[in-house]
Amino acid sequence: MSGNGLLVWILIGLVAGWLASMVLGRGYGLIGDLIVGLVGAYIGGYLVRALGLHVPLRGIPGMITVAFGGALVLLLVLRVVRRVLG
């Protein structure tokens, strides 16, 4: 992956993590939101392929949409785990 590609993925992860944190009402700071967004991108990509879904947006908006969906799933799972263990 080129330096530009890595930068794009970092920005997508940051945007997706921040958006998911805003929607669910709890942020994890810059690094935490970045990690949530990057892991969310992986989860979202896996779910889109596994469920055979079609993302209507192309390019960066589509990547942000998939990463945002995955980040929401990740944050919801983290909330459930926290409640069960907490």
C-alpha atoms as a PDB file:
ATOM      1  CA  MET A   1       0.000   0.000   0.000  1.00  0.00           C
ATOM      2  CA  SER A   2       1.349   3.398  -0.917  1.00  0.00           C
ATOM      3  CA  GLY A   3       1.678   6.249   1.534  1.00  0.00           C
ATOM      4  CA  ASN A   4      -1.336   7.968  -0.015  1.00  0.00           C
ATOM      5  CA  GLY A   5      -3.446   4.809   0.289  1.00  0.00           C
ATOM      6  CA  LEU A   6      -2.545   4.455   3.950  1.00  0.00           C
ATOM      7  CA  LEU A   7      -3.409   8.097   4.569  1.00  0.00           C
ATOM      8  CA  VAL A   8      -6.806   7.641   2.893  1.00  0.00           C
ATOM      9  CA  TRP A   9      -7.580   4.587   5.078  1.00  0.00           C
ATOM     10  CA  ILE A  10      -6.561   6.504   8.206  1.00  0.00           C
ATOM     11  CA  LEU A  11      -8.827   9.413   7.253  1.00  0.00           C
ATOM     12  CA  ILE A  12     -11.720   7.055   6.437  1.00  0.00           C
ATOM     13  CA  GLY A  13     -11.260   5.287   9.763  1.00  0.00           C
ATOM     14  CA  LEU A  14     -11.140   8.566  11.635  1.00  0.00           C
ATOM     15  CA  VAL A  15     -14.290   9.910   9.967  1.00  0.00           C
ATOM     16  CA  ALA A  16     -16.210   6.644  10.380  1.00  0.00           C
ATOM     17  CA  GLY A  17     -15.180   6.225  14.022  1.00  0.00           C
ATOM     18  CA  TRP A  18     -16.043   9.820  14.835  1.00  0.00           C
ATOM     19  CA  LEU A  19     -19.443   9.585  13.119  1.00  0.00           C
ATOM     20  CA  ALA A  20     -20.292   6.333  14.909  1.00  0.00           C
ATOM     21  CA  SER A  21     -19.257   7.850  18.237  1.00  0.00           C
ATOM     22  CA  MET A  22     -21.442  10.895  17.599  1.00  0.00           C
ATOM     23  CA  VAL A  23     -24.459   8.763  16.666  1.00  0.00           C
ATOM     24  CA  LEU A  24     -24.136   6.536  19.732  1.00  0.00           C
ATOM     25  CA  GLY A  25     -23.241   9.412  22.033  1.00  0.00           C
ATOM     26  CA  ARG A  26     -19.816   8.408  23.300  1.00  0.00           C
ATOM     27  CA  GLY A  27     -16.444   9.258  21.819  1.00  0.00           C
ATOM     28  CA  TYR A  28     -13.121   7.590  22.557  1.00  0.00           C
ATOM     29  CA  GLY A  29     -10.853  10.467  21.602  1.00  0.00           C
ATOM     30  CA  LEU A  30      -8.827  10.837  18.424  1.00  0.00           C
ATOM     31  CA  ILE A  31      -6.889   7.566  18.635  1.00  0.00           C
ATOM     32  CA  GLY A  32      -9.849   5.573  19.984  1.00  0.00           C
ATOM     33  CA  ASP A  33     -12.181   6.805  17.232  1.00  0.00           C
ATOM     34  CA  LEU A  34      -9.506   6.028  14.637  1.00  0.00           C
ATOM     35  CA  ILE A  35      -9.162   2.469  15.906  1.00  0.00           C
ATOM     36  CA  VAL A  36     -12.944   2.027  16.056  1.00  0.00           C
ATOM     37  CA  GLY A  37     -13.213   3.295  12.472  1.00  0.00           C
ATOM     38  CA  LEU A  38     -10.426   1.078  11.115  1.00  0.00           C
ATOM     39  CA  VAL A  39     -11.735  -2.041  12.850  1.00  0.00           C
ATOM     40  CA  GLY A  40     -15.233  -0.987  11.782  1.00  0.00           C
ATOM     41  CA  ALA A  41     -14.070  -0.807   8.158  1.00  0.00           C
ATOM     42  CA  TYR A  42     -12.902  -4.403   8.383  1.00  0.00           C
ATOM     43  CA  ILE A  43     -16.136  -5.536  10.071  1.00  0.00           C
ATOM     44  CA  GLY A  44     -18.282  -3.558   7.639  1.00  0.00           C
ATOM     45  CA  GLY A  45     -16.463  -4.950   4.609  1.00  0.00           C
ATOM     46  CA  TYR A  46     -16.851  -8.476   5.915  1.00  0.00           C
ATOM     47  CA  LEU A  47     -20.581  -8.013   6.602  1.00  0.00           C
ATOM     48  CA  VAL A  48     -21.258  -6.438   3.204  1.00  0.00           C
ATOM     49  CA  ARG A  49     -19.603  -9.378   1.433  1.00  0.00           C
ATOM     50  CA  ALA A  50     -21.073 -12.055   3.718  1.00  0.00           C
ATOM     51  CA  LEU A  51     -24.620 -10.712   3.405  1.00  0.00           C
ATOM     52  CA  GLY A  52     -24.306  -9.982  -0.307  1.00  0.00           C
ATOM     53  CA  LEU A  53     -25.243  -6.335   0.184  1.00  0.00           C
ATOM     54  CA  HIS A  54     -24.702  -3.625  -2.400  1.00  0.00           C
ATOM     55  CA  VAL A  55     -23.380  -0.219  -1.357  1.00  0.00           C
ATOM     56  CA  PRO A  56     -24.987   2.417  -3.601  1.00  0.00           C
ATOM     57  CA  LEU A  57     -22.065   4.834  -3.233  1.00  0.00           C
ATOM     58  CA  ARG A  58     -18.705   4.457  -4.936  1.00  0.00           C
ATOM     59  CA  GLY A  59     -15.256   5.615  -3.930  1.00  0.00           C
ATOM     60  CA  ILE A  60     -14.515   7.282  -0.641  1.00  0.00           C
ATOM     61  CA  PRO A  61     -18.187   7.972   0.274  1.00  0.00           C
ATOM     62  CA  GLY A  62     -18.921   4.256  -0.139  1.00  0.00           C
ATOM     63  CA  MET A  63     -15.895   3.291   1.946  1.00  0.00           C
ATOM     64  CA  ILE A  64     -16.935   5.696   4.699  1.00  0.00           C
ATOM     65  CA  THR A  65     -20.474   4.273   4.622  1.00  0.00           C
ATOM     66  CA  VAL A  66     -19.227   0.690   5.007  1.00  0.00           C
ATOM     67  CA  ALA A  67     -16.716   1.663   7.711  1.00  0.00           C
ATOM     68  CA  PHE A  68     -19.390   3.676   9.552  1.00  0.00           C
ATOM     69  CA  GLY A  69     -21.774   0.705   9.546  1.00  0.00           C
ATOM     70  CA  GLY A  70     -19.045  -1.590  10.831  1.00  0.00           C
ATOM     71  CA  ALA A  71     -18.043   0.940  13.493  1.00  0.00           C
ATOM     72  CA  LEU A  72     -21.653   1.107  14.691  1.00  0.00           C
ATOM     73  CA  VAL A  73     -21.745  -2.677  14.965  1.00  0.00           C
ATOM     74  CA  LEU A  74     -18.446  -2.692  16.854  1.00  0.00           C
ATOM     75  CA  LEU A  75     -19.572  -0.013  19.316  1.00  0.00           C
ATOM     76  CA  LEU A  76     -22.879  -1.783  19.947  1.00  0.00           C
ATOM     77  CA  VAL A  77     -21.067  -5.077  20.609  1.00  0.00           C
ATOM     78  CA  LEU A  78     -18.680  -3.272  22.971  1.00  0.00           C
ATOM     79  CA  ARG A  79     -21.668  -1.825  24.885  1.00  0.00           C
ATOM     80  CA  VAL A  80     -23.231  -5.273  25.265  1.00  0.00           C
ATOM     81  CA  VAL A  81     -19.949  -6.811  26.431  1.00  0.00           C
ATOM     82  CA  ARG A  82     -19.414  -3.964  28.883  1.00  0.00           C
ATOM     83  CA  ARG A  83     -22.912  -4.486  30.355  1.00  0.00           C
ATOM     84  CA  VAL A  84     -22.459  -8.251  30.652  1.00  0.00           C
ATOM     85  CA  LEU A  85     -19.029  -7.965  32.262  1.00  0.00           C
ATOM     86  CA  GLY A  86     -19.683  -4.758  34.156  1.00  0.00           C
END
